[in-house]
Amino acid sequence: MSTKTKKATFNLHTNVLNELDKMMAQGIASSKNALVEQALVKELKELKRQARKSLWQQAAKDPLFLKDVAQVEADFKSADAETARGIN
């Protein structure tokens, strides 16, 4: 199954382009496009992970969120204990 692509133009520092050329000469990736896309996908995943982490850090300081978590834990305490007894 082929994924649709779209041409994009970016300006990169010459040292980055030189390193890209070196990697291509070593056969690191099938193409410059593939290597750049791979790097962007990896970076975008990391940015999303950092954004989620920041939201969790904010939530950890929110009294309403903490109260809700405590309530859920209390609601499931007996169910968790019952499940734990069944594991042994």
C-alpha atoms as a PDB file:
ATOM      1  CA  MET A   1       0.000   0.000   0.000  1.00  0.00           C
ATOM      2  CA  SER A   2       1.505   3.311  -1.100  1.00  0.00           C
ATOM      3  CA  THR A   3       1.305   6.409   1.062  1.00  0.00           C
ATOM      4  CA  LYS A   4       0.717   9.740  -0.616  1.00  0.00           C
ATOM      5  CA  THR A   5       3.596  12.184  -0.395  1.00  0.00           C
ATOM      6  CA  LYS A   6       3.828  15.895  -0.996  1.00  0.00           C
ATOM      7  CA  LYS A   7       6.879  17.877  -1.988  1.00  0.00           C
ATOM      8  CA  ALA A   8       8.179  20.306   0.642  1.00  0.00           C
ATOM      9  CA  THR A   9      11.110  22.692   0.583  1.00  0.00           C
ATOM     10  CA  PHE A  10      13.175  23.528   3.661  1.00  0.00           C
ATOM     11  CA  ASN A  11      16.293  25.542   4.303  1.00  0.00           C
ATOM     12  CA  LEU A  12      18.884  23.661   6.343  1.00  0.00           C
ATOM     13  CA  HIS A  13      22.282  24.675   7.621  1.00  0.00           C
ATOM     14  CA  THR A  14      25.104  23.593   5.334  1.00  0.00           C
ATOM     15  CA  ASN A  15      26.718  21.503   8.089  1.00  0.00           C
ATOM     16  CA  VAL A  16      23.478  19.516   8.422  1.00  0.00           C
ATOM     17  CA  LEU A  17      23.355  18.958   4.673  1.00  0.00           C
ATOM     18  CA  ASN A  18      27.021  17.890   4.687  1.00  0.00           C
ATOM     19  CA  GLU A  19      26.303  15.342   7.427  1.00  0.00           C
ATOM     20  CA  LEU A  20      23.300  14.127   5.460  1.00  0.00           C
ATOM     21  CA  ASP A  21      25.511  13.611   2.426  1.00  0.00           C
ATOM     22  CA  LYS A  22      28.031  11.672   4.548  1.00  0.00           C
ATOM     23  CA  MET A  23      25.297   9.392   5.872  1.00  0.00           C
ATOM     24  CA  MET A  24      24.000   8.762   2.383  1.00  0.00           C
ATOM     25  CA  ALA A  25      27.515   7.923   1.171  1.00  0.00           C
ATOM     26  CA  GLN A  26      27.677   5.296   3.937  1.00  0.00           C
ATOM     27  CA  GLY A  27      24.380   3.781   2.782  1.00  0.00           C
ATOM     28  CA  ILE A  28      22.589   4.602   6.057  1.00  0.00           C
ATOM     29  CA  ALA A  29      19.234   5.144   4.355  1.00  0.00           C
ATOM     30  CA  SER A  30      17.676   4.405   0.999  1.00  0.00           C
ATOM     31  CA  SER A  31      17.338   8.114   0.209  1.00  0.00           C
ATOM     32  CA  LYS A  32      17.731  11.582   1.714  1.00  0.00           C
ATOM     33  CA  ASN A  33      13.956  11.879   1.750  1.00  0.00           C
ATOM     34  CA  ALA A  34      13.628   8.641   3.700  1.00  0.00           C
ATOM     35  CA  LEU A  35      16.254   9.689   6.261  1.00  0.00           C
ATOM     36  CA  VAL A  36      14.756  13.164   6.753  1.00  0.00           C
ATOM     37  CA  GLU A  37      11.256  11.700   7.102  1.00  0.00           C
ATOM     38  CA  GLN A  38      12.507   9.105   9.599  1.00  0.00           C
ATOM     39  CA  ALA A  39      14.174  11.835  11.673  1.00  0.00           C
ATOM     40  CA  LEU A  40      11.062  14.025  11.592  1.00  0.00           C
ATOM     41  CA  VAL A  41       8.767  11.169  12.608  1.00  0.00           C
ATOM     42  CA  LYS A  42      11.067  10.383  15.540  1.00  0.00           C
ATOM     43  CA  GLU A  43      11.233  14.046  16.614  1.00  0.00           C
ATOM     44  CA  LEU A  44       7.470  14.526  16.302  1.00  0.00           C
ATOM     45  CA  LYS A  45       6.866  11.467  18.520  1.00  0.00           C
ATOM     46  CA  GLU A  46       9.241  12.923  21.105  1.00  0.00           C
ATOM     47  CA  LEU A  47       7.508  16.320  21.015  1.00  0.00           C
ATOM     48  CA  LYS A  48       4.138  14.609  21.563  1.00  0.00           C
ATOM     49  CA  ARG A  49       5.601  12.604  24.455  1.00  0.00           C
ATOM     50  CA  GLN A  50       6.944  15.781  26.047  1.00  0.00           C
ATOM     51  CA  ALA A  51       3.557  17.485  25.648  1.00  0.00           C
ATOM     52  CA  ARG A  52       1.807  14.539  27.383  1.00  0.00           C
ATOM     53  CA  LYS A  53       4.395  14.618  30.163  1.00  0.00           C
ATOM     54  CA  SER A  54       3.777  18.314  30.683  1.00  0.00           C
ATOM     55  CA  LEU A  55       0.022  17.729  30.900  1.00  0.00           C
ATOM     56  CA  TRP A  56       0.522  14.962  33.487  1.00  0.00           C
ATOM     57  CA  GLN A  57       2.813  17.247  35.495  1.00  0.00           C
ATOM     58  CA  GLN A  58       0.146  19.942  35.468  1.00  0.00           C
ATOM     59  CA  ALA A  59      -2.529  17.422  36.432  1.00  0.00           C
ATOM     60  CA  ALA A  60      -0.403  16.223  39.360  1.00  0.00           C
ATOM     61  CA  LYS A  61      -0.752  19.720  40.838  1.00  0.00           C
ATOM     62  CA  ASP A  62      -4.513  20.007  40.205  1.00  0.00           C
ATOM     63  CA  PRO A  63      -6.514  19.310  43.391  1.00  0.00           C
ATOM     64  CA  LEU A  64      -9.642  18.335  41.436  1.00  0.00           C
ATOM     65  CA  PHE A  65      -7.710  15.847  39.321  1.00  0.00           C
ATOM     66  CA  LEU A  66      -6.025  14.363  42.399  1.00  0.00           C
ATOM     67  CA  LYS A  67      -9.395  14.098  44.146  1.00  0.00           C
ATOM     68  CA  ASP A  68     -10.824  12.298  41.110  1.00  0.00           C
ATOM     69  CA  VAL A  69      -7.886   9.856  41.044  1.00  0.00           C
ATOM     70  CA  ALA A  70      -8.322   9.172  44.767  1.00  0.00           C
ATOM     71  CA  GLN A  71     -12.038   8.525  44.220  1.00  0.00           C
ATOM     72  CA  VAL A  72     -11.377   6.087  41.381  1.00  0.00           C
ATOM     73  CA  GLU A  73      -8.797   4.275  43.512  1.00  0.00           C
ATOM     74  CA  ALA A  74     -11.292   4.034  46.372  1.00  0.00           C
ATOM     75  CA  ASP A  75     -14.046   2.806  44.034  1.00  0.00           C
ATOM     76  CA  PHE A  76     -11.872  -0.002  42.682  1.00  0.00           C
ATOM     77  CA  LYS A  77     -10.087  -0.942  45.911  1.00  0.00           C
ATOM     78  CA  SER A  78     -12.328  -3.915  46.659  1.00  0.00           C
ATOM     79  CA  ALA A  79     -12.350  -5.048  43.027  1.00  0.00           C
ATOM     80  CA  ASP A  80      -8.543  -4.912  42.934  1.00  0.00           C
ATOM     81  CA  ALA A  81      -8.325  -6.871  46.186  1.00  0.00           C
ATOM     82  CA  GLU A  82     -10.722  -9.502  44.807  1.00  0.00           C
ATOM     83  CA  THR A  83      -8.670  -9.834  41.619  1.00  0.00           C
ATOM     84  CA  ALA A  84      -5.444 -10.102  43.635  1.00  0.00           C
ATOM     85  CA  ARG A  85      -6.899 -12.970  45.696  1.00  0.00           C
ATOM     86  CA  GLY A  86      -7.785 -14.785  42.486  1.00  0.00           C
ATOM     87  CA  ILE A  87      -4.234 -14.572  41.145  1.00  0.00           C
ATOM     88  CA  ASN A  88      -2.710 -16.750  43.884  1.00  0.00           C
END
